[in-house]
Amino acid sequence: MAAGEFTPRHLAMARVLTDAGYNVLFPDSFTPRGRRSTCQDTVAQREISAMNRRFDVQAAMRWVTTQPDVDVKRIALLGWSHGASTVLASLNLAETDVAVRKIQPRAAVAFYPDCRPYAKPSEPFKPAAPLLILMGENDDWTPPQACEAIEQKMQGSDTELALRLYPDTYHDFDAPGLPVHVRMDVAGVGKRGEGVTSGANPDARTQAYRSMLNFLDAKLNY
């Protein structure tokens, strides 16, 4: 991903994490495949899924572990929306390729993922690392109820899952300067004819970043 293609959200997150002393790597699943995103694709056109993007994450982790300034015991995954859904897929030890991976992350943070693939009691979801999910209560793009179902399903598990919901908050709530608006161009989500809501909530962003940094500090700086 070229520097000019980083969004304000990418740059803001990079600054927050590097200021806290972390290295940051942004894998790009789209440009090498000739795509920009999945949002405007029809459901039938979406060849880049969270399930196959997990292999990109695994390749990135293998590369990271070869870098001399990286502590392989202090790796975390982080993603937004489709990338956050990729984080969930990359953590799930129910997938054999994840379970046999030699290097596992120590923590993971997912901003407004689609939790529906794992919400049903019959769908196995066992995270390889403690997981923090951050999302808006009003998210109508990736509804929080599915993540709440996962949280309920994992009660009593030996791996921590923490879910933080922010009131009066929608999808993309941490995107700097993004006005709250309705998008009608995202196929397969929301109620038919109503679109989905996207936009920033600076207060929620501040709270979420604080929770993220506290979580990473607790899980990585031991």
C-alpha atoms as a PDB file:
ATOM      1  CA  MET A   1       0.000   0.000   0.000  1.00  0.00           C
ATOM      2  CA  ALA A   2       1.530   3.296  -1.079  1.00  0.00           C
ATOM      3  CA  ALA A   3       1.836   6.081   1.458  1.00  0.00           C
ATOM      4  CA  GLY A   4      -0.658   8.188  -0.480  1.00  0.00           C
ATOM      5  CA  GLU A   5      -3.306   5.497  -0.071  1.00  0.00           C
ATOM      6  CA  PHE A   6      -3.347   5.573   3.705  1.00  0.00           C
ATOM      7  CA  THR A   7      -6.587   7.028   5.036  1.00  0.00           C
ATOM      8  CA  PRO A   8      -6.707   9.522   7.919  1.00  0.00           C
ATOM      9  CA  ARG A   9      -7.800   6.614  10.112  1.00  0.00           C
ATOM     10  CA  HIS A  10      -4.732   4.556   9.161  1.00  0.00           C
ATOM     11  CA  LEU A  11      -2.444   7.507   9.858  1.00  0.00           C
ATOM     12  CA  ALA A  12      -4.125   8.375  13.157  1.00  0.00           C
ATOM     13  CA  MET A  13      -3.844   4.798  14.376  1.00  0.00           C
ATOM     14  CA  ALA A  14      -0.216   4.556  13.276  1.00  0.00           C
ATOM     15  CA  ARG A  15       0.607   7.704  15.241  1.00  0.00           C
ATOM     16  CA  VAL A  16      -1.199   6.481  18.356  1.00  0.00           C
ATOM     17  CA  LEU A  17       0.546   3.104  18.303  1.00  0.00           C
ATOM     18  CA  THR A  18       4.032   4.320  17.407  1.00  0.00           C
ATOM     19  CA  ASP A  19       3.778   7.019  20.080  1.00  0.00           C
ATOM     20  CA  ALA A  20       3.032   4.199  22.533  1.00  0.00           C
ATOM     21  CA  GLY A  21       6.204   2.381  21.434  1.00  0.00           C
ATOM     22  CA  TYR A  22       4.754  -0.203  19.030  1.00  0.00           C
ATOM     23  CA  ASN A  23       5.866  -1.084  15.503  1.00  0.00           C
ATOM     24  CA  VAL A  24       3.027  -1.011  12.944  1.00  0.00           C
ATOM     25  CA  LEU A  25       2.566  -3.052   9.752  1.00  0.00           C
ATOM     26  CA  PHE A  26      -0.397  -2.584   7.379  1.00  0.00           C
ATOM     27  CA  PRO A  27      -0.901  -5.681   5.164  1.00  0.00           C
ATOM     28  CA  ASP A  28      -2.805  -4.926   1.939  1.00  0.00           C
ATOM     29  CA  SER A  29      -5.164  -7.656   0.714  1.00  0.00           C
ATOM     30  CA  PHE A  30      -6.687  -5.567  -2.065  1.00  0.00           C
ATOM     31  CA  THR A  31      -4.138  -3.768  -4.259  1.00  0.00           C
ATOM     32  CA  PRO A  32      -2.168  -6.923  -5.218  1.00  0.00           C
ATOM     33  CA  ARG A  33      -5.487  -8.465  -6.316  1.00  0.00           C
ATOM     34  CA  GLY A  34      -6.471  -5.430  -8.358  1.00  0.00           C
ATOM     35  CA  ARG A  35      -9.205  -4.327  -5.961  1.00  0.00           C
ATOM     36  CA  ARG A  36      -9.796  -1.229  -3.826  1.00  0.00           C
ATOM     37  CA  SER A  37     -12.307  -2.608  -1.311  1.00  0.00           C
ATOM     38  CA  THR A  38     -15.284  -4.948  -1.053  1.00  0.00           C
ATOM     39  CA  CYS A  39     -17.901  -2.378  -0.043  1.00  0.00           C
ATOM     40  CA  GLN A  40     -19.158  -1.468  -3.516  1.00  0.00           C
ATOM     41  CA  ASP A  41     -18.983  -5.022  -4.887  1.00  0.00           C
ATOM     42  CA  THR A  42     -22.120  -7.093  -5.168  1.00  0.00           C
ATOM     43  CA  VAL A  43     -22.212 -10.084  -2.848  1.00  0.00           C
ATOM     44  CA  ALA A  44     -21.471 -12.356  -5.819  1.00  0.00           C
ATOM     45  CA  GLN A  45     -18.390 -10.290  -6.755  1.00  0.00           C
ATOM     46  CA  ARG A  46     -16.772 -10.489  -3.327  1.00  0.00           C
ATOM     47  CA  GLU A  47     -13.892 -12.861  -3.895  1.00  0.00           C
ATOM     48  CA  ILE A  48     -11.813 -11.349  -1.073  1.00  0.00           C
ATOM     49  CA  SER A  49     -13.346 -12.694   2.123  1.00  0.00           C
ATOM     50  CA  ALA A  50     -12.319 -12.477   5.748  1.00  0.00           C
ATOM     51  CA  MET A  51     -11.690 -16.210   5.658  1.00  0.00           C
ATOM     52  CA  ASN A  52      -9.157 -16.008   2.826  1.00  0.00           C
ATOM     53  CA  ARG A  53      -7.659 -12.723   4.048  1.00  0.00           C
ATOM     54  CA  ARG A  54      -6.529 -14.618   7.143  1.00  0.00           C
ATOM     55  CA  PHE A  55      -3.827 -16.181   4.964  1.00  0.00           C
ATOM     56  CA  ASP A  56      -2.511 -12.676   4.234  1.00  0.00           C
ATOM     57  CA  VAL A  57      -2.350 -12.089   7.982  1.00  0.00           C
ATOM     58  CA  GLN A  58      -0.430 -15.300   8.461  1.00  0.00           C
ATOM     59  CA  ALA A  59       2.044 -14.310   5.743  1.00  0.00           C
ATOM     60  CA  ALA A  60       2.476 -10.906   7.388  1.00  0.00           C
ATOM     61  CA  MET A  61       3.104 -12.547  10.751  1.00  0.00           C
ATOM     62  CA  ARG A  62       5.739 -14.828   9.235  1.00  0.00           C
ATOM     63  CA  TRP A  63       7.495 -11.797   7.750  1.00  0.00           C
ATOM     64  CA  VAL A  64       7.282  -9.859  11.021  1.00  0.00           C
ATOM     65  CA  THR A  65       8.931 -12.665  12.937  1.00  0.00           C
ATOM     66  CA  THR A  66      12.013 -12.386  10.698  1.00  0.00           C
ATOM     67  CA  GLN A  67      12.592  -8.743  11.648  1.00  0.00           C
ATOM     68  CA  PRO A  68      15.400  -8.222  14.187  1.00  0.00           C
ATOM     69  CA  ASP A  69      13.590  -5.490  16.135  1.00  0.00           C
ATOM     70  CA  VAL A  70      10.392  -7.508  16.704  1.00  0.00           C
ATOM     71  CA  ASP A  71       9.640  -9.471  19.871  1.00  0.00           C
ATOM     72  CA  VAL A  72       7.628 -12.443  18.606  1.00  0.00           C
ATOM     73  CA  LYS A  73       6.054 -12.811  22.050  1.00  0.00           C
ATOM     74  CA  ARG A  74       4.477  -9.349  21.781  1.00  0.00           C
ATOM     75  CA  ILE A  75       2.546  -9.413  18.500  1.00  0.00           C
ATOM     76  CA  ALA A  76      -1.011  -8.077  18.313  1.00  0.00           C
ATOM     77  CA  LEU A  77      -3.576  -8.028  15.491  1.00  0.00           C
ATOM     78  CA  LEU A  78      -5.830  -5.035  14.822  1.00  0.00           C
ATOM     79  CA  GLY A  79      -8.425  -4.308  12.163  1.00  0.00           C
ATOM     80  CA  TRP A  80     -11.506  -2.322  11.212  1.00  0.00           C
ATOM     81  CA  SER A  81     -14.783  -3.602   9.739  1.00  0.00           C
ATOM     82  CA  HIS A  82     -13.847  -6.202   7.078  1.00  0.00           C
ATOM     83  CA  GLY A  83     -10.309  -6.121   8.471  1.00  0.00           C
ATOM     84  CA  ALA A  84     -11.716  -6.677  11.949  1.00  0.00           C
ATOM     85  CA  SER A  85     -13.678  -9.668  10.648  1.00  0.00           C
ATOM     86  CA  THR A  86     -10.352 -10.864   9.238  1.00  0.00           C
ATOM     87  CA  VAL A  87      -8.873 -10.545  12.730  1.00  0.00           C
ATOM     88  CA  LEU A  88     -11.582 -12.872  14.062  1.00  0.00           C
ATOM     89  CA  ALA A  89     -10.891 -15.402  11.300  1.00  0.00           C
ATOM     90  CA  SER A  90      -7.141 -15.131  11.931  1.00  0.00           C
ATOM     91  CA  LEU A  91      -7.619 -15.912  15.618  1.00  0.00           C
ATOM     92  CA  ASN A  92     -10.020 -18.837  15.396  1.00  0.00           C
ATOM     93  CA  LEU A  93      -8.276 -22.003  16.562  1.00  0.00           C
ATOM     94  CA  ALA A  94     -11.167 -24.012  15.123  1.00  0.00           C
ATOM     95  CA  GLU A  95      -9.398 -23.505  11.775  1.00  0.00           C
ATOM     96  CA  THR A  96      -6.588 -26.035  11.419  1.00  0.00           C
ATOM     97  CA  ASP A  97      -4.184 -23.614   9.718  1.00  0.00           C
ATOM     98  CA  VAL A  98      -4.623 -21.204  12.637  1.00  0.00           C
ATOM     99  CA  ALA A  99      -4.251 -23.902  15.272  1.00  0.00           C
ATOM    100  CA  VAL A 100      -0.966 -25.238  13.864  1.00  0.00           C
ATOM    101  CA  ARG A 101       0.603 -21.792  13.426  1.00  0.00           C
ATOM    102  CA  LYS A 102       3.888 -21.684  15.328  1.00  0.00           C
ATOM    103  CA  ILE A 103       3.671 -17.996  16.224  1.00  0.00           C
ATOM    104  CA  GLN A 104       0.412 -16.788  17.754  1.00  0.00           C
ATOM    105  CA  PRO A 105      -0.518 -13.201  18.617  1.00  0.00           C
ATOM    106  CA  ARG A 106      -0.675 -12.207  22.275  1.00  0.00           C
ATOM    107  CA  ALA A 107      -3.675  -9.914  21.803  1.00  0.00           C
ATOM    108  CA  ALA A 108      -6.138  -8.702  19.186  1.00  0.00           C
ATOM    109  CA  VAL A 109      -8.339  -5.626  18.757  1.00  0.00           C
ATOM    110  CA  ALA A 110     -11.325  -5.556  16.387  1.00  0.00           C
ATOM    111  CA  PHE A 111     -13.172  -2.339  15.548  1.00  0.00           C
ATOM    112  CA  TYR A 112     -16.786  -3.096  14.508  1.00  0.00           C
ATOM    113  CA  PRO A 113     -16.318  -6.566  12.990  1.00  0.00           C
ATOM    114  CA  ASP A 114     -19.054  -8.722  11.504  1.00  0.00           C
ATOM    115  CA  CYS A 115     -19.479 -11.315  14.241  1.00  0.00           C
ATOM    116  CA  ARG A 116     -22.354 -13.155  12.577  1.00  0.00           C
ATOM    117  CA  PRO A 117     -20.271 -16.090  11.246  1.00  0.00           C
ATOM    118  CA  TYR A 118     -19.474 -17.093  14.835  1.00  0.00           C
ATOM    119  CA  ALA A 119     -22.618 -16.014  16.692  1.00  0.00           C
ATOM    120  CA  LYS A 120     -24.534 -19.287  16.421  1.00  0.00           C
ATOM    121  CA  PRO A 121     -23.927 -21.793  19.237  1.00  0.00           C
ATOM    122  CA  SER A 122     -23.078 -24.442  16.616  1.00  0.00           C
ATOM    123  CA  GLU A 123     -20.290 -22.352  15.060  1.00  0.00           C
ATOM    124  CA  PRO A 124     -16.959 -22.930  16.862  1.00  0.00           C
ATOM    125  CA  PHE A 125     -14.976 -19.872  17.841  1.00  0.00           C
ATOM    126  CA  LYS A 126     -11.935 -20.222  20.077  1.00  0.00           C
ATOM    127  CA  PRO A 127      -9.636 -17.190  19.929  1.00  0.00           C
ATOM    128  CA  ALA A 128      -5.903 -17.822  20.025  1.00  0.00           C
ATOM    129  CA  ALA A 129      -5.419 -14.666  22.120  1.00  0.00           C
ATOM    130  CA  PRO A 130      -7.380 -12.222  24.302  1.00  0.00           C
ATOM    131  CA  LEU A 131      -9.709 -10.186  22.102  1.00  0.00           C
ATOM    132  CA  LEU A 132     -11.091  -6.668  22.512  1.00  0.00           C
ATOM    133  CA  ILE A 133     -14.073  -5.690  20.329  1.00  0.00           C
ATOM    134  CA  LEU A 134     -14.981  -1.993  20.032  1.00  0.00           C
ATOM    135  CA  MET A 135     -18.185  -0.867  18.320  1.00  0.00           C
ATOM    136  CA  GLY A 136     -21.175   1.454  18.392  1.00  0.00           C
ATOM    137  CA  GLU A 137     -24.485   0.475  19.943  1.00  0.00           C
ATOM    138  CA  ASN A 138     -26.268   1.886  16.882  1.00  0.00           C
ATOM    139  CA  ASP A 139     -24.154   0.117  14.261  1.00  0.00           C
ATOM    140  CA  ASP A 140     -26.565  -1.034  11.536  1.00  0.00           C
ATOM    141  CA  TRP A 141     -23.777  -2.206   9.182  1.00  0.00           C
ATOM    142  CA  THR A 142     -22.225  -4.836  11.492  1.00  0.00           C
ATOM    143  CA  PRO A 143     -24.870  -5.150  14.223  1.00  0.00           C
ATOM    144  CA  PRO A 144     -23.422  -5.496  17.738  1.00  0.00           C
ATOM    145  CA  GLN A 145     -25.978  -8.129  18.703  1.00  0.00           C
ATOM    146  CA  ALA A 146     -23.915 -10.791  16.943  1.00  0.00           C
ATOM    147  CA  CYS A 147     -20.821  -9.816  18.943  1.00  0.00           C
ATOM    148  CA  GLU A 148     -22.883  -9.868  22.113  1.00  0.00           C
ATOM    149  CA  ALA A 149     -23.895 -13.427  21.205  1.00  0.00           C
ATOM    150  CA  ILE A 150     -20.232 -14.404  20.912  1.00  0.00           C
ATOM    151  CA  GLU A 151     -19.490 -12.742  24.247  1.00  0.00           C
ATOM    152  CA  GLN A 152     -22.312 -14.744  25.829  1.00  0.00           C
ATOM    153  CA  LYS A 153     -21.152 -17.967  24.166  1.00  0.00           C
ATOM    154  CA  MET A 154     -17.613 -17.475  25.478  1.00  0.00           C
ATOM    155  CA  GLN A 155     -18.535 -16.876  29.099  1.00  0.00           C
ATOM    156  CA  GLY A 156     -16.419 -19.190  31.216  1.00  0.00           C
ATOM    157  CA  SER A 157     -13.814 -19.576  28.475  1.00  0.00           C
ATOM    158  CA  ASP A 158     -10.129 -19.554  29.385  1.00  0.00           C
ATOM    159  CA  THR A 159      -9.525 -16.837  26.752  1.00  0.00           C
ATOM    160  CA  GLU A 160     -10.704 -13.302  27.435  1.00  0.00           C
ATOM    161  CA  LEU A 161     -13.176 -11.570  25.137  1.00  0.00           C
ATOM    162  CA  ALA A 162     -14.008  -7.973  26.080  1.00  0.00           C
ATOM    163  CA  LEU A 163     -16.779  -6.124  24.229  1.00  0.00           C
ATOM    164  CA  ARG A 164     -17.104  -2.341  24.516  1.00  0.00           C
ATOM    165  CA  LEU A 165     -20.215  -0.684  23.086  1.00  0.00           C
ATOM    166  CA  TYR A 166     -20.558   3.087  22.742  1.00  0.00           C
ATOM    167  CA  PRO A 167     -23.998   4.803  22.793  1.00  0.00           C
ATOM    168  CA  ASP A 168     -25.191   7.032  19.952  1.00  0.00           C
ATOM    169  CA  THR A 169     -22.381   5.610  17.820  1.00  0.00           C
ATOM    170  CA  TYR A 170     -22.279   4.065  14.340  1.00  0.00           C
ATOM    171  CA  HIS A 171     -19.910   2.227  12.015  1.00  0.00           C
ATOM    172  CA  ASP A 172     -16.591   4.009  11.300  1.00  0.00           C
ATOM    173  CA  PHE A 173     -16.956   5.972  14.549  1.00  0.00           C
ATOM    174  CA  ASP A 174     -13.168   6.450  14.847  1.00  0.00           C
ATOM    175  CA  ALA A 175     -12.653   7.820  11.319  1.00  0.00           C
ATOM    176  CA  PRO A 176     -11.319  11.372  11.806  1.00  0.00           C
ATOM    177  CA  GLY A 177     -13.675  14.053  10.524  1.00  0.00           C
ATOM    178  CA  LEU A 178     -16.151  11.696   8.838  1.00  0.00           C
ATOM    179  CA  PRO A 179     -19.682  13.171   9.022  1.00  0.00           C
ATOM    180  CA  VAL A 180     -22.480  10.834  10.036  1.00  0.00           C
ATOM    181  CA  HIS A 181     -24.271   9.861   6.835  1.00  0.00           C
ATOM    182  CA  VAL A 182     -26.284   7.053   5.267  1.00  0.00           C
ATOM    183  CA  ARG A 183     -24.654   4.886   2.611  1.00  0.00           C
ATOM    184  CA  MET A 184     -26.827   3.213  -0.005  1.00  0.00           C
ATOM    185  CA  ASP A 185     -23.909   1.696  -1.937  1.00  0.00           C
ATOM    186  CA  VAL A 186     -23.021  -1.235   0.333  1.00  0.00           C
ATOM    187  CA  ALA A 187     -24.653  -4.431  -0.863  1.00  0.00           C
ATOM    188  CA  GLY A 188     -25.897  -7.167   1.430  1.00  0.00           C
ATOM    189  CA  VAL A 189     -26.076  -5.194   4.684  1.00  0.00           C
ATOM    190  CA  GLY A 190     -28.720  -3.241   6.555  1.00  0.00           C
ATOM    191  CA  LYS A 191     -32.455  -3.245   5.865  1.00  0.00           C
ATOM    192  CA  ARG A 192     -33.457  -3.224   2.229  1.00  0.00           C
ATOM    193  CA  GLY A 193     -33.900   0.310   0.946  1.00  0.00           C
ATOM    194  CA  GLU A 194     -32.603   1.961   4.126  1.00  0.00           C
ATOM    195  CA  GLY A 195     -28.839   1.751   3.663  1.00  0.00           C
ATOM    196  CA  VAL A 196     -26.354   1.762   6.521  1.00  0.00           C
ATOM    197  CA  THR A 197     -25.061   4.555   8.725  1.00  0.00           C
ATOM    198  CA  SER A 198     -21.408   5.570   8.935  1.00  0.00           C
ATOM    199  CA  GLY A 199     -19.677   8.432  10.700  1.00  0.00           C
ATOM    200  CA  ALA A 200     -17.398   9.657  13.430  1.00  0.00           C
ATOM    201  CA  ASN A 201     -18.077  10.084  17.116  1.00  0.00           C
ATOM    202  CA  PRO A 202     -14.993  11.808  18.577  1.00  0.00           C
ATOM    203  CA  ASP A 203     -15.922  11.021  22.195  1.00  0.00           C
ATOM    204  CA  ALA A 204     -16.359   7.327  21.437  1.00  0.00           C
ATOM    205  CA  ARG A 205     -13.105   7.351  19.481  1.00  0.00           C
ATOM    206  CA  THR A 206     -11.235   8.815  22.461  1.00  0.00           C
ATOM    207  CA  GLN A 207     -12.719   6.220  24.815  1.00  0.00           C
ATOM    208  CA  ALA A 208     -12.054   3.351  22.403  1.00  0.00           C
ATOM    209  CA  TYR A 209      -8.423   4.329  21.820  1.00  0.00           C
ATOM    210  CA  ARG A 210      -7.901   4.574  25.571  1.00  0.00           C
ATOM    211  CA  SER A 211      -9.412   1.102  26.041  1.00  0.00           C
ATOM    212  CA  MET A 212      -7.264  -0.236  23.203  1.00  0.00           C
ATOM    213  CA  LEU A 213      -4.019   1.120  24.633  1.00  0.00           C
ATOM    214  CA  ASN A 214      -4.842  -0.114  28.128  1.00  0.00           C
ATOM    215  CA  PHE A 215      -5.695  -3.545  26.722  1.00  0.00           C
ATOM    216  CA  LEU A 216      -2.500  -3.789  24.669  1.00  0.00           C
ATOM    217  CA  ASP A 217      -0.408  -2.620  27.602  1.00  0.00           C
ATOM    218  CA  ALA A 218      -1.933  -5.259  29.871  1.00  0.00           C
ATOM    219  CA  LYS A 219      -1.530  -8.101  27.362  1.00  0.00           C
ATOM    220  CA  LEU A 220       1.807  -7.244  25.720  1.00  0.00           C
ATOM    221  CA  ASN A 221       3.867  -5.474  28.370  1.00  0.00           C
ATOM    222  CA  TYR A 222       4.095  -8.220  30.945  1.00  0.00           C
END
